[in-house]
Amino acid sequence: MYGAVNSPYVWAKTPDGMPSWDFFDLLLDKANVVTTPGAGFGPHGEGYIRLTAFGDAGLTVEAVDRVAKLLKG
C-alpha cells in the first residue's frame, strides 16, 4: 500500500501480478466493491488499484472486510 499520508487516495498492489482491470472486475463482481484500475493512470499504474477515503467510514470498513474475505478464499 502507498499513499494516504497527504492524500485521500491509497494505492494497493494487485495480488499475484494480476492486471489491474482483472482485479477491478473481480472486486466488483465478487465483493461488490468499486475501485479504480491503476492502468487508467498509465503504465506505472498497472498492477495497482486506487482506493479513496472519500465517503462514509463505516462503508469503507465494510468494503475492506469484503475484500479481505474474498482474498482469503
N, C-alpha and C. Protein backbone atom coordinates (compact mmCIF):
# COMPACT_ATOMS: atom_id res chain seq x y z
N MET A 1 0.83 -1.17 0.00
CA MET A 1 0.00 0.00 0.00
C MET A 1 0.88 1.24 0.00
N TYR A 2 0.42 2.23 -0.74
CA TYR A 2 1.12 3.50 -0.83
C TYR A 2 0.09 4.62 -0.73
N GLY A 3 0.53 5.76 -0.26
CA GLY A 3 -0.33 6.94 -0.26
C GLY A 3 -1.05 7.15 1.05
N ALA A 4 -2.06 8.01 0.99
CA ALA A 4 -2.94 8.34 2.11
C ALA A 4 -2.25 9.14 3.22
N VAL A 5 -1.03 9.57 3.01
CA VAL A 5 -0.37 10.40 4.02
C VAL A 5 -0.86 11.84 3.89
N ASN A 6 -0.74 12.41 2.72
CA ASN A 6 -1.21 13.76 2.45
C ASN A 6 -2.24 13.76 1.34
N SER A 7 -2.89 12.64 1.16
CA SER A 7 -3.84 12.47 0.07
C SER A 7 -4.94 11.52 0.52
N PRO A 8 -6.15 11.67 -0.02
CA PRO A 8 -7.22 10.74 0.35
C PRO A 8 -7.20 9.44 -0.46
N TYR A 9 -6.14 9.21 -1.20
CA TYR A 9 -6.07 8.01 -2.05
C TYR A 9 -5.01 7.04 -1.55
N VAL A 10 -5.32 5.76 -1.69
CA VAL A 10 -4.39 4.68 -1.35
C VAL A 10 -4.21 3.82 -2.58
N TRP A 11 -2.97 3.48 -2.88
CA TRP A 11 -2.65 2.57 -3.99
C TRP A 11 -2.32 1.21 -3.39
N ALA A 12 -3.00 0.18 -3.86
CA ALA A 12 -2.76 -1.19 -3.39
C ALA A 12 -2.33 -2.06 -4.55
N LYS A 13 -1.30 -2.86 -4.31
CA LYS A 13 -0.80 -3.77 -5.34
C LYS A 13 -1.80 -4.90 -5.55
N THR A 14 -2.01 -5.27 -6.79
CA THR A 14 -2.91 -6.37 -7.09
C THR A 14 -2.24 -7.69 -6.71
N PRO A 15 -3.02 -8.70 -6.35
CA PRO A 15 -2.42 -9.97 -5.94
C PRO A 15 -1.82 -10.75 -7.11
N ASP A 16 -0.69 -11.36 -6.85
CA ASP A 16 -0.06 -12.29 -7.80
C ASP A 16 0.15 -11.69 -9.19
N GLY A 17 0.40 -10.38 -9.27
CA GLY A 17 0.66 -9.75 -10.54
C GLY A 17 -0.56 -9.64 -11.45
N MET A 18 -1.75 -9.78 -10.87
CA MET A 18 -2.98 -9.71 -11.66
C MET A 18 -3.11 -8.32 -12.29
N PRO A 19 -3.50 -8.25 -13.56
CA PRO A 19 -3.72 -6.94 -14.18
C PRO A 19 -4.77 -6.14 -13.42
N SER A 20 -4.60 -4.84 -13.38
CA SER A 20 -5.48 -4.01 -12.57
C SER A 20 -6.95 -4.09 -13.01
N TRP A 21 -7.20 -4.18 -14.32
CA TRP A 21 -8.59 -4.29 -14.76
C TRP A 21 -9.21 -5.62 -14.34
N ASP A 22 -8.43 -6.70 -14.33
CA ASP A 22 -8.94 -8.00 -13.89
C ASP A 22 -9.27 -7.97 -12.40
N PHE A 23 -8.41 -7.33 -11.60
CA PHE A 23 -8.67 -7.24 -10.17
C PHE A 23 -9.88 -6.34 -9.91
N PHE A 24 -9.98 -5.24 -10.65
CA PHE A 24 -11.15 -4.37 -10.56
C PHE A 24 -12.42 -5.18 -10.80
N ASP A 25 -12.45 -5.97 -11.88
CA ASP A 25 -13.62 -6.78 -12.22
C ASP A 25 -13.93 -7.80 -11.12
N LEU A 26 -12.90 -8.44 -10.59
CA LEU A 26 -13.08 -9.43 -9.53
C LEU A 26 -13.71 -8.78 -8.29
N LEU A 27 -13.17 -7.64 -7.87
CA LEU A 27 -13.71 -6.97 -6.69
C LEU A 27 -15.14 -6.50 -6.91
N LEU A 28 -15.41 -6.01 -8.10
CA LEU A 28 -16.76 -5.54 -8.40
C LEU A 28 -17.75 -6.71 -8.45
N ASP A 29 -17.38 -7.78 -9.14
CA ASP A 29 -18.29 -8.92 -9.33
C ASP A 29 -18.48 -9.76 -8.07
N LYS A 30 -17.41 -9.98 -7.31
CA LYS A 30 -17.48 -10.92 -6.18
C LYS A 30 -17.63 -10.25 -4.82
N ALA A 31 -17.19 -8.99 -4.68
CA ALA A 31 -17.27 -8.32 -3.38
C ALA A 31 -18.15 -7.08 -3.42
N ASN A 32 -18.64 -6.72 -4.60
CA ASN A 32 -19.44 -5.50 -4.76
C ASN A 32 -18.71 -4.27 -4.24
N VAL A 33 -17.41 -4.20 -4.56
CA VAL A 33 -16.57 -3.07 -4.16
C VAL A 33 -16.02 -2.42 -5.42
N VAL A 34 -16.16 -1.10 -5.49
CA VAL A 34 -15.67 -0.34 -6.63
C VAL A 34 -14.32 0.27 -6.30
N THR A 35 -13.36 0.08 -7.18
CA THR A 35 -12.03 0.68 -7.06
C THR A 35 -11.73 1.37 -8.39
N THR A 36 -10.52 1.84 -8.56
CA THR A 36 -10.10 2.41 -9.83
C THR A 36 -8.88 1.62 -10.31
N PRO A 37 -8.94 1.01 -11.50
CA PRO A 37 -7.78 0.27 -12.01
C PRO A 37 -6.60 1.21 -12.25
N GLY A 38 -5.45 0.82 -11.81
CA GLY A 38 -4.25 1.63 -11.97
C GLY A 38 -3.85 1.85 -13.42
N ALA A 39 -4.21 0.93 -14.29
CA ALA A 39 -3.84 1.06 -15.71
C ALA A 39 -4.37 2.35 -16.31
N GLY A 40 -5.45 2.88 -15.76
CA GLY A 40 -6.00 4.13 -16.24
C GLY A 40 -5.11 5.33 -15.99
N PHE A 41 -4.08 5.16 -15.17
CA PHE A 41 -3.15 6.23 -14.84
C PHE A 41 -1.83 6.10 -15.58
N GLY A 42 -1.78 5.19 -16.52
CA GLY A 42 -0.57 5.00 -17.31
C GLY A 42 0.14 3.71 -16.95
N PRO A 43 1.25 3.42 -17.63
CA PRO A 43 1.93 2.14 -17.46
C PRO A 43 2.45 1.90 -16.04
N HIS A 44 2.78 2.94 -15.32
CA HIS A 44 3.29 2.74 -13.95
C HIS A 44 2.17 2.44 -12.96
N GLY A 45 0.93 2.66 -13.38
CA GLY A 45 -0.20 2.33 -12.52
C GLY A 45 -0.65 0.89 -12.65
N GLU A 46 -0.22 0.23 -13.72
CA GLU A 46 -0.61 -1.17 -13.91
C GLU A 46 -0.08 -2.01 -12.76
N GLY A 47 -0.91 -2.96 -12.32
CA GLY A 47 -0.55 -3.82 -11.20
C GLY A 47 -1.00 -3.25 -9.86
N TYR A 48 -1.73 -2.13 -9.90
CA TYR A 48 -2.26 -1.50 -8.69
C TYR A 48 -3.72 -1.12 -8.91
N ILE A 49 -4.44 -0.96 -7.81
CA ILE A 49 -5.75 -0.34 -7.83
C ILE A 49 -5.68 0.87 -6.92
N ARG A 50 -6.55 1.84 -7.18
CA ARG A 50 -6.59 3.03 -6.33
C ARG A 50 -7.88 3.01 -5.53
N LEU A 51 -7.73 3.25 -4.25
CA LEU A 51 -8.86 3.33 -3.32
C LEU A 51 -8.96 4.76 -2.84
N THR A 52 -10.14 5.17 -2.43
CA THR A 52 -10.32 6.53 -1.95
C THR A 52 -10.88 6.55 -0.53
N ALA A 53 -10.53 7.57 0.21
CA ALA A 53 -11.06 7.76 1.56
C ALA A 53 -12.26 8.69 1.56
N PHE A 54 -12.65 9.19 0.38
CA PHE A 54 -13.87 10.00 0.30
C PHE A 54 -15.05 9.07 0.50
N GLY A 55 -15.93 9.41 1.36
CA GLY A 55 -17.10 8.58 1.59
C GLY A 55 -17.25 8.23 3.05
N ASP A 56 -18.26 7.44 3.33
CA ASP A 56 -18.62 7.05 4.68
C ASP A 56 -17.60 6.07 5.27
N ALA A 57 -17.11 6.35 6.46
CA ALA A 57 -16.10 5.49 7.09
C ALA A 57 -16.62 4.08 7.34
N GLY A 58 -17.87 3.95 7.75
CA GLY A 58 -18.44 2.63 8.00
C GLY A 58 -18.52 1.79 6.74
N LEU A 59 -18.87 2.43 5.62
CA LEU A 59 -18.92 1.70 4.36
C LEU A 59 -17.53 1.30 3.90
N THR A 60 -16.54 2.12 4.20
CA THR A 60 -15.16 1.78 3.86
C THR A 60 -14.71 0.55 4.63
N VAL A 61 -15.02 0.49 5.91
CA VAL A 61 -14.68 -0.68 6.72
C VAL A 61 -15.37 -1.92 6.17
N GLU A 62 -16.64 -1.80 5.80
CA GLU A 62 -17.36 -2.93 5.22
C GLU A 62 -16.71 -3.39 3.91
N ALA A 63 -16.31 -2.45 3.07
CA ALA A 63 -15.66 -2.80 1.80
C ALA A 63 -14.35 -3.54 2.05
N VAL A 64 -13.56 -3.05 3.00
CA VAL A 64 -12.29 -3.72 3.33
C VAL A 64 -12.56 -5.14 3.83
N ASP A 65 -13.58 -5.32 4.64
CA ASP A 65 -13.93 -6.65 5.14
C ASP A 65 -14.32 -7.58 3.99
N ARG A 66 -15.09 -7.08 3.03
CA ARG A 66 -15.49 -7.88 1.87
C ARG A 66 -14.28 -8.30 1.04
N VAL A 67 -13.37 -7.37 0.81
CA VAL A 67 -12.18 -7.69 0.02
C VAL A 67 -11.32 -8.71 0.75
N ALA A 68 -11.13 -8.51 2.06
CA ALA A 68 -10.32 -9.46 2.84
C ALA A 68 -10.93 -10.86 2.79
N LYS A 69 -12.23 -10.95 2.93
CA LYS A 69 -12.90 -12.26 2.89
C LYS A 69 -12.73 -12.91 1.51
N LEU A 70 -12.85 -12.11 0.46
CA LEU A 70 -12.68 -12.64 -0.88
C LEU A 70 -11.27 -13.16 -1.11
N LEU A 71 -10.27 -12.41 -0.67
CA LEU A 71 -8.89 -12.81 -0.89
C LEU A 71 -8.47 -14.01 -0.05
N LYS A 72 -9.13 -14.21 1.10
CA LYS A 72 -8.82 -15.37 1.93
C LYS A 72 -9.40 -16.65 1.36
N GLY A 73 -10.38 -16.48 0.46
CA GLY A 73 -10.94 -17.64 -0.23
C GLY A 73 -12.13 -18.18 0.42
